[in-house]
C-alpha cells in the first residue's frame, strides 16, 4: 500500500512538475522532487558558489587597487597558520 501511494505521489510530481513535501510531527521532513528539477537545483548551487568566489575575488582586487593590504601576521592569524620562524 505504501509503495503504491509513493508511486502515485511520484507520478503526480513528474506529471505536474510540482514538489510534494512530506511532514513529520507537523513539520517539513522530506520532499519529492522531479529528478530534472533536482539536477537544476544542484546546478544553481554550483553557479551560486562560483558567483560568490568571483565576488570575493573582485572585492579583493578592489581592496588591493585601493592599497588595502593585511600584514603577513594578520593573514596567518586569519588562516589559523603558525607563522614561519
Protein backbone atom coordinates (compact mmCIF):
# COMPACT_ATOMS: atom_id res chain seq x y z
CA UNK A 1 0.00 0.00 0.00
CA UNK A 2 2.78 2.46 0.89
CA UNK A 3 4.65 1.56 -2.30
CA UNK A 4 1.55 2.21 -4.40
CA UNK A 5 0.98 5.55 -2.66
CA UNK A 6 4.60 6.57 -3.15
CA UNK A 7 4.37 5.67 -6.84
CA UNK A 8 1.18 7.72 -7.11
CA UNK A 9 2.85 10.73 -5.47
CA UNK A 10 5.94 10.37 -7.68
CA UNK A 11 3.81 10.26 -10.82
CA UNK A 12 1.98 13.39 -9.67
CA UNK A 13 5.29 15.17 -9.10
CA UNK A 14 6.65 14.23 -12.52
CA UNK A 15 3.34 14.80 -14.31
CA UNK A 16 2.51 18.17 -12.79
CA UNK A 17 6.04 19.45 -12.26
CA UNK A 18 5.31 20.27 -8.63
CA UNK A 19 7.01 19.17 -5.44
CA UNK A 20 5.38 17.19 -2.65
CA UNK A 21 6.52 17.94 0.88
CA UNK A 22 6.01 15.17 3.43
CA UNK A 23 5.75 16.19 7.05
CA UNK A 24 6.63 14.57 10.35
CA UNK A 25 5.08 15.85 13.55
CA UNK A 26 3.64 18.77 11.60
CA UNK A 27 6.98 19.98 10.22
CA UNK A 28 8.51 19.58 6.75
CA UNK A 29 10.54 16.38 6.68
CA UNK A 30 11.33 15.28 3.11
CA UNK A 31 10.32 16.34 -0.37
CA UNK A 32 9.60 14.51 -3.58
CA UNK A 33 11.05 16.48 -6.46
CA UNK A 34 11.33 15.64 -10.15
CA UNK A 35 14.92 14.46 -10.79
CA UNK A 36 15.36 17.02 -13.58
CA UNK A 37 14.42 19.81 -11.18
CA UNK A 38 16.82 18.42 -8.59
CA UNK A 39 19.60 18.49 -11.19
CA UNK A 40 18.66 22.12 -11.89
CA UNK A 41 18.81 22.94 -8.16
CA UNK A 42 22.27 21.37 -7.94
CA UNK A 43 23.45 23.37 -10.96
CA UNK A 44 22.16 26.56 -9.31
CA UNK A 45 24.06 25.71 -6.14
CA UNK A 46 27.31 25.29 -8.11
CA UNK A 47 26.67 28.52 -10.02
CA UNK A 48 25.97 30.39 -6.77
CA UNK A 49 29.24 29.13 -5.26
CA UNK A 50 31.12 30.29 -8.38
CA UNK A 51 29.49 33.71 -8.21
CA UNK A 52 30.39 34.05 -4.53
CA UNK A 53 34.03 33.19 -5.30
CA UNK A 54 34.09 35.68 -8.16
CA UNK A 55 32.55 38.36 -5.92
CA UNK A 56 35.22 37.70 -3.29
CA UNK A 57 37.95 37.96 -5.93
CA UNK A 58 36.55 41.26 -7.19
CA UNK A 59 36.39 42.63 -3.65
CA UNK A 60 39.99 41.55 -3.06
CA UNK A 61 41.17 43.19 -6.26
CA UNK A 62 39.34 46.40 -5.42
CA UNK A 63 40.96 46.45 -1.98
CA UNK A 64 44.39 45.79 -3.48
CA UNK A 65 43.93 48.60 -6.02
CA UNK A 66 42.96 50.90 -3.14
CA UNK A 67 46.17 49.93 -1.33
CA UNK A 68 44.36 47.99 1.38
CA UNK A 69 46.57 45.07 2.39
CA UNK A 70 46.96 42.97 5.51
CA UNK A 71 50.29 42.08 7.08
CA UNK A 72 51.69 38.55 6.89
CA UNK A 73 50.95 38.16 10.61
CA UNK A 74 47.30 39.18 10.17
CA UNK A 75 46.94 36.75 7.29
CA UNK A 76 48.50 33.92 9.31
CA UNK A 77 46.08 34.61 12.19
CA UNK A 78 43.07 34.77 9.86
CA UNK A 79 44.07 31.45 8.29
CA UNK A 80 44.96 29.86 11.62
CA UNK A 81 48.51 29.20 10.44
CA UNK A 82 51.55 29.14 12.67
CA UNK A 83 53.92 31.84 11.41
CA UNK A 84 57.17 30.71 9.87
CA UNK A 85 60.24 31.30 12.06
